[in-house]
Amino acid sequence: MSENVAVAAWGDTNIRYYRIETESTIYVLEYAFNPAVKMPWPNQHSRSRTPDLALNLGTKILVEGRDAYVLDNSGREVKMPIFSKTAKN
């Protein structure tokens, strides 16, 4: 997991990258959030904080096109764009 911070007119936008491995593929997912934003976007996990994901703990993931849907430890479905994907050898 790594993180970048970009400054915008409405506050800092943090971008966190998550690496999730399946049996055949390694996905790097991108999640942007703004701690200053208090209201969640429609049909979305709150964008004021990161998903509740733990290292080395099984994660459920569904890949659909260029997006991945991850079930976090709180049981919330979080949509994240796929930043990169690599086939495992």
C-alpha atoms as a PDB file:
ATOM      1  CA  MET A   1       0.000   0.000   0.000  1.00  0.00           C
ATOM      2  CA  SER A   2       1.276   3.491  -0.837  1.00  0.00           C
ATOM      3  CA  GLU A   3      -0.226   6.956  -0.795  1.00  0.00           C
ATOM      4  CA  ASN A   4       0.036  10.311  -2.648  1.00  0.00           C
ATOM      5  CA  VAL A   5      -1.494  13.660  -1.712  1.00  0.00           C
ATOM      6  CA  ALA A   6      -2.648  16.240  -4.293  1.00  0.00           C
ATOM      7  CA  VAL A   7      -3.742  19.761  -3.401  1.00  0.00           C
ATOM      8  CA  ALA A   8      -7.056  20.927  -4.877  1.00  0.00           C
ATOM      9  CA  ALA A   9      -9.266  23.995  -4.424  1.00  0.00           C
ATOM     10  CA  TRP A  10     -11.627  22.082  -2.099  1.00  0.00           C
ATOM     11  CA  GLY A  11      -8.841  20.482   0.006  1.00  0.00           C
ATOM     12  CA  ASP A  12      -6.254  17.779  -0.197  1.00  0.00           C
ATOM     13  CA  THR A  13      -7.100  14.643  -2.140  1.00  0.00           C
ATOM     14  CA  ASN A  14      -5.284  11.562  -0.942  1.00  0.00           C
ATOM     15  CA  ILE A  15      -4.734   8.662  -3.318  1.00  0.00           C
ATOM     16  CA  ARG A  16      -3.992   5.283  -1.797  1.00  0.00           C
ATOM     17  CA  TYR A  17      -2.898   2.257  -3.816  1.00  0.00           C
ATOM     18  CA  TYR A  18      -3.807  -1.276  -2.757  1.00  0.00           C
ATOM     19  CA  ARG A  19      -2.120  -4.417  -4.077  1.00  0.00           C
ATOM     20  CA  ILE A  20      -4.389  -7.451  -4.115  1.00  0.00           C
ATOM     21  CA  GLU A  21      -3.204 -10.857  -5.324  1.00  0.00           C
ATOM     22  CA  THR A  22      -5.451 -13.596  -6.651  1.00  0.00           C
ATOM     23  CA  GLU A  23      -4.338 -17.051  -7.791  1.00  0.00           C
ATOM     24  CA  SER A  24      -3.610 -15.777 -11.310  1.00  0.00           C
ATOM     25  CA  THR A  25      -3.312 -11.974 -11.173  1.00  0.00           C
ATOM     26  CA  ILE A  26      -1.825  -9.130  -9.131  1.00  0.00           C
ATOM     27  CA  TYR A  27      -4.040  -6.017  -9.098  1.00  0.00           C
ATOM     28  CA  VAL A  28      -3.032  -2.543  -7.996  1.00  0.00           C
ATOM     29  CA  LEU A  29      -6.175  -0.598  -7.131  1.00  0.00           C
ATOM     30  CA  GLU A  30      -6.439   3.162  -6.739  1.00  0.00           C
ATOM     31  CA  TYR A  31      -8.623   4.815  -4.100  1.00  0.00           C
ATOM     32  CA  ALA A  32      -8.993   8.609  -3.879  1.00  0.00           C
ATOM     33  CA  PHE A  33     -10.405  10.205  -0.747  1.00  0.00           C
ATOM     34  CA  ASN A  34     -10.646  13.663   0.752  1.00  0.00           C
ATOM     35  CA  PRO A  35     -10.617  13.870   4.566  1.00  0.00           C
ATOM     36  CA  ALA A  36     -12.336  17.291   4.382  1.00  0.00           C
ATOM     37  CA  VAL A  37     -15.427  15.847   2.615  1.00  0.00           C
ATOM     38  CA  LYS A  38     -18.008  14.728   5.156  1.00  0.00           C
ATOM     39  CA  MET A  39     -20.826  13.390   2.958  1.00  0.00           C
ATOM     40  CA  PRO A  40     -20.482  10.100   1.055  1.00  0.00           C
ATOM     41  CA  TRP A  41     -20.991  10.157  -2.689  1.00  0.00           C
ATOM     42  CA  PRO A  42     -24.251   8.517  -3.848  1.00  0.00           C
ATOM     43  CA  ASN A  43     -24.076   4.707  -3.551  1.00  0.00           C
ATOM     44  CA  GLN A  44     -20.464   4.931  -2.361  1.00  0.00           C
ATOM     45  CA  HIS A  45     -18.418   4.223   0.716  1.00  0.00           C
ATOM     46  CA  SER A  46     -17.625   7.511   2.503  1.00  0.00           C
ATOM     47  CA  ARG A  47     -14.935   9.358   0.537  1.00  0.00           C
ATOM     48  CA  SER A  48     -13.634  11.049   3.701  1.00  0.00           C
ATOM     49  CA  ARG A  49     -11.681   7.942   4.749  1.00  0.00           C
ATOM     50  CA  THR A  50     -10.108   4.820   3.350  1.00  0.00           C
ATOM     51  CA  PRO A  51     -11.731   1.392   3.178  1.00  0.00           C
ATOM     52  CA  ASP A  52     -11.276  -0.875   6.190  1.00  0.00           C
ATOM     53  CA  LEU A  53      -8.758  -3.335   4.699  1.00  0.00           C
ATOM     54  CA  ALA A  54      -6.059  -5.240   6.590  1.00  0.00           C
ATOM     55  CA  LEU A  55      -2.744  -6.626   5.349  1.00  0.00           C
ATOM     56  CA  ASN A  56      -2.480 -10.405   4.892  1.00  0.00           C
ATOM     57  CA  LEU A  57      -6.178 -10.936   5.509  1.00  0.00           C
ATOM     58  CA  GLY A  58      -8.372 -12.532   2.849  1.00  0.00           C
ATOM     59  CA  THR A  59     -10.275 -10.000   0.745  1.00  0.00           C
ATOM     60  CA  LYS A  60     -13.222 -10.610  -1.564  1.00  0.00           C
ATOM     61  CA  ILE A  61     -12.787  -8.951  -4.956  1.00  0.00           C
ATOM     62  CA  LEU A  62     -14.935  -8.807  -8.091  1.00  0.00           C
ATOM     63  CA  VAL A  63     -13.359  -7.436 -11.265  1.00  0.00           C
ATOM     64  CA  GLU A  64     -15.663  -5.841 -13.811  1.00  0.00           C
ATOM     65  CA  GLY A  65     -14.018  -4.087 -16.738  1.00  0.00           C
ATOM     66  CA  ARG A  66     -11.620  -1.412 -15.473  1.00  0.00           C
ATOM     67  CA  ASP A  67     -13.003  -1.437 -11.931  1.00  0.00           C
ATOM     68  CA  ALA A  68     -12.761  -3.748  -8.964  1.00  0.00           C
ATOM     69  CA  TYR A  69     -15.332  -4.119  -6.208  1.00  0.00           C
ATOM     70  CA  VAL A  70     -13.780  -5.014  -2.869  1.00  0.00           C
ATOM     71  CA  LEU A  71     -15.634  -6.102   0.248  1.00  0.00           C
ATOM     72  CA  ASP A  72     -13.876  -4.417   3.173  1.00  0.00           C
ATOM     73  CA  ASN A  73     -13.651  -5.763   6.738  1.00  0.00           C
ATOM     74  CA  SER A  74     -16.765  -3.769   7.720  1.00  0.00           C
ATOM     75  CA  GLY A  75     -18.795  -5.543   5.012  1.00  0.00           C
ATOM     76  CA  ARG A  76     -18.971  -2.449   2.771  1.00  0.00           C
ATOM     77  CA  GLU A  77     -18.568  -2.792  -0.981  1.00  0.00           C
ATOM     78  CA  VAL A  78     -15.958  -0.347  -2.264  1.00  0.00           C
ATOM     79  CA  LYS A  79     -15.506   0.404  -5.980  1.00  0.00           C
ATOM     80  CA  MET A  80     -11.908   1.141  -7.018  1.00  0.00           C
ATOM     81  CA  PRO A  81     -10.386   1.688 -10.459  1.00  0.00           C
ATOM     82  CA  ILE A  82      -7.735  -0.808 -11.509  1.00  0.00           C
ATOM     83  CA  PHE A  83      -4.451   1.102 -11.755  1.00  0.00           C
ATOM     84  CA  SER A  84      -2.538  -1.919 -13.094  1.00  0.00           C
ATOM     85  CA  LYS A  85      -2.811  -5.678 -13.368  1.00  0.00           C
ATOM     86  CA  THR A  86      -0.093  -8.272 -13.867  1.00  0.00           C
ATOM     87  CA  ALA A  87      -0.460 -11.970 -14.615  1.00  0.00           C
ATOM     88  CA  LYS A  88       1.326 -14.263 -12.178  1.00  0.00           C
ATOM     89  CA  ASN A  89       3.706 -16.821 -13.653  1.00  0.00           C
END
